[in-house]
Amino acid sequence: MSAQPADQRQDDTSFDAEITALIEDLLEEHEGFERAAFRALARSYLALLAESERLVADADRSCSRGFLRGLFSEGARPDLSEDEA
């Protein structure tokens, strides 16, 4: 037996329902013109892609290459004895 009356719908919170709602909002925002909605979606995607590439480049410049490769100068880290490793 359900806790809600039969005439009340439960909100669909699935990923597919969320995407469908976003598409409907996008079409509504562009007054039903699918081409304009696709253009806006593509523009947003390309901006997000460019930002992603910029963040990767920033991360590459800010990381120590020696640290990333696991190379440290001699004596920078204490040697682990065999029983500690």
C-alpha atoms as a PDB file:
ATOM      1  CA  MET A   1       0.000   0.000   0.000  1.00  0.00           C
ATOM      2  CA  SER A   2       1.348   3.424  -0.952  1.00  0.00           C
ATOM      3  CA  ALA A   3       1.732   6.287   1.494  1.00  0.00           C
ATOM      4  CA  GLN A   4       0.550   8.785  -1.160  1.00  0.00           C
ATOM      5  CA  PRO A   5      -2.909   9.045  -2.698  1.00  0.00           C
ATOM      6  CA  ALA A   6      -3.227   7.587  -6.186  1.00  0.00           C
ATOM      7  CA  ASP A   7      -3.752  10.972  -7.828  1.00  0.00           C
ATOM      8  CA  GLN A   8      -0.397  12.390  -6.650  1.00  0.00           C
ATOM      9  CA  ARG A   9       2.619  11.762  -8.853  1.00  0.00           C
ATOM     10  CA  GLN A  10       6.045  11.142  -7.440  1.00  0.00           C
ATOM     11  CA  ASP A  11       8.801  13.316  -8.853  1.00  0.00           C
ATOM     12  CA  ASP A  12      11.151  11.392 -11.101  1.00  0.00           C
ATOM     13  CA  THR A  13      14.640  12.209  -9.880  1.00  0.00           C
ATOM     14  CA  SER A  14      16.522   9.961 -12.293  1.00  0.00           C
ATOM     15  CA  PHE A  15      19.372  11.266 -14.404  1.00  0.00           C
ATOM     16  CA  ASP A  16      17.312  10.809 -17.566  1.00  0.00           C
ATOM     17  CA  ALA A  17      14.467  12.880 -16.139  1.00  0.00           C
ATOM     18  CA  GLU A  18      16.908  15.626 -15.181  1.00  0.00           C
ATOM     19  CA  ILE A  19      18.332  15.718 -18.711  1.00  0.00           C
ATOM     20  CA  THR A  20      14.830  15.827 -20.189  1.00  0.00           C
ATOM     21  CA  ALA A  21      13.925  18.760 -17.948  1.00  0.00           C
ATOM     22  CA  LEU A  22      17.107  20.601 -18.941  1.00  0.00           C
ATOM     23  CA  ILE A  23      16.340  20.087 -22.638  1.00  0.00           C
ATOM     24  CA  GLU A  24      12.788  21.368 -22.152  1.00  0.00           C
ATOM     25  CA  ASP A  25      14.119  24.431 -20.294  1.00  0.00           C
ATOM     26  CA  LEU A  26      16.643  25.096 -23.050  1.00  0.00           C
ATOM     27  CA  LEU A  27      13.984  24.875 -25.760  1.00  0.00           C
ATOM     28  CA  GLU A  28      11.664  27.118 -23.771  1.00  0.00           C
ATOM     29  CA  GLU A  29      14.462  29.652 -23.295  1.00  0.00           C
ATOM     30  CA  HIS A  30      14.976  29.750 -27.075  1.00  0.00           C
ATOM     31  CA  GLU A  31      11.233  29.892 -27.808  1.00  0.00           C
ATOM     32  CA  GLY A  32      11.118  26.445 -29.414  1.00  0.00           C
ATOM     33  CA  PHE A  33      13.882  27.053 -31.942  1.00  0.00           C
ATOM     34  CA  GLU A  34      15.884  23.834 -31.823  1.00  0.00           C
ATOM     35  CA  ARG A  35      18.740  25.223 -33.910  1.00  0.00           C
ATOM     36  CA  ALA A  36      19.242  28.153 -31.507  1.00  0.00           C
ATOM     37  CA  ALA A  37      19.106  25.784 -28.540  1.00  0.00           C
ATOM     38  CA  PHE A  38      21.724  23.492 -30.114  1.00  0.00           C
ATOM     39  CA  ARG A  39      23.907  26.501 -30.904  1.00  0.00           C
ATOM     40  CA  ALA A  40      23.739  27.667 -27.276  1.00  0.00           C
ATOM     41  CA  LEU A  41      24.470  24.150 -26.055  1.00  0.00           C
ATOM     42  CA  ALA A  42      27.469  23.809 -28.394  1.00  0.00           C
ATOM     43  CA  ARG A  43      28.776  27.235 -27.356  1.00  0.00           C
ATOM     44  CA  SER A  44      28.558  26.257 -23.683  1.00  0.00           C
ATOM     45  CA  TYR A  45      30.250  22.923 -24.366  1.00  0.00           C
ATOM     46  CA  LEU A  46      33.152  24.564 -26.220  1.00  0.00           C
ATOM     47  CA  ALA A  47      33.597  27.140 -23.450  1.00  0.00           C
ATOM     48  CA  LEU A  48      33.646  24.360 -20.864  1.00  0.00           C
ATOM     49  CA  LEU A  49      36.163  22.397 -22.934  1.00  0.00           C
ATOM     50  CA  ALA A  50      38.455  25.437 -23.261  1.00  0.00           C
ATOM     51  CA  GLU A  51      38.231  26.058 -19.513  1.00  0.00           C
ATOM     52  CA  SER A  52      39.053  22.406 -18.852  1.00  0.00           C
ATOM     53  CA  GLU A  53      42.142  22.612 -21.076  1.00  0.00           C
ATOM     54  CA  ARG A  54      43.225  25.824 -19.326  1.00  0.00           C
ATOM     55  CA  LEU A  55      42.878  24.188 -15.908  1.00  0.00           C
ATOM     56  CA  VAL A  56      44.935  21.184 -17.035  1.00  0.00           C
ATOM     57  CA  ALA A  57      47.662  23.506 -18.338  1.00  0.00           C
ATOM     58  CA  ASP A  58      47.656  25.428 -15.033  1.00  0.00           C
ATOM     59  CA  ALA A  59      47.926  22.179 -13.089  1.00  0.00           C
ATOM     60  CA  ASP A  60      50.851  21.049 -15.242  1.00  0.00           C
ATOM     61  CA  ARG A  61      52.704  24.307 -14.602  1.00  0.00           C
ATOM     62  CA  SER A  62      52.063  24.288 -10.866  1.00  0.00           C
ATOM     63  CA  CYS A  63      53.222  20.726 -10.114  1.00  0.00           C
ATOM     64  CA  SER A  64      56.783  19.719  -9.456  1.00  0.00           C
ATOM     65  CA  ARG A  65      57.928  17.288 -12.140  1.00  0.00           C
ATOM     66  CA  GLY A  66      60.218  15.539  -9.663  1.00  0.00           C
ATOM     67  CA  PHE A  67      57.357  15.045  -7.227  1.00  0.00           C
ATOM     68  CA  LEU A  68      55.073  13.659  -9.916  1.00  0.00           C
ATOM     69  CA  ARG A  69      57.699  11.173 -11.044  1.00  0.00           C
ATOM     70  CA  GLY A  70      58.610  10.217  -7.490  1.00  0.00           C
ATOM     71  CA  LEU A  71      62.152  11.537  -7.860  1.00  0.00           C
ATOM     72  CA  PHE A  72      63.608  13.251  -4.836  1.00  0.00           C
ATOM     73  CA  SER A  73      67.077  14.486  -4.104  1.00  0.00           C
ATOM     74  CA  GLU A  74      69.270  12.164  -2.085  1.00  0.00           C
ATOM     75  CA  GLY A  75      68.540  12.537   1.622  1.00  0.00           C
ATOM     76  CA  ALA A  76      65.338  14.543   1.184  1.00  0.00           C
ATOM     77  CA  ARG A  77      63.285  11.689   2.606  1.00  0.00           C
ATOM     78  CA  PRO A  78      64.348   9.354   5.369  1.00  0.00           C
ATOM     79  CA  ASP A  79      65.085   5.826   4.216  1.00  0.00           C
ATOM     80  CA  LEU A  80      62.541   3.278   5.337  1.00  0.00           C
ATOM     81  CA  SER A  81      64.053   0.251   6.929  1.00  0.00           C
ATOM     82  CA  GLU A  82      62.898  -3.117   5.615  1.00  0.00           C
ATOM     83  CA  ASP A  83      60.664  -3.776   8.632  1.00  0.00           C
ATOM     84  CA  GLU A  84      58.879  -0.371   8.226  1.00  0.00           C
ATOM     85  CA  ALA A  85      58.170  -0.808   4.495  1.00  0.00           C
END
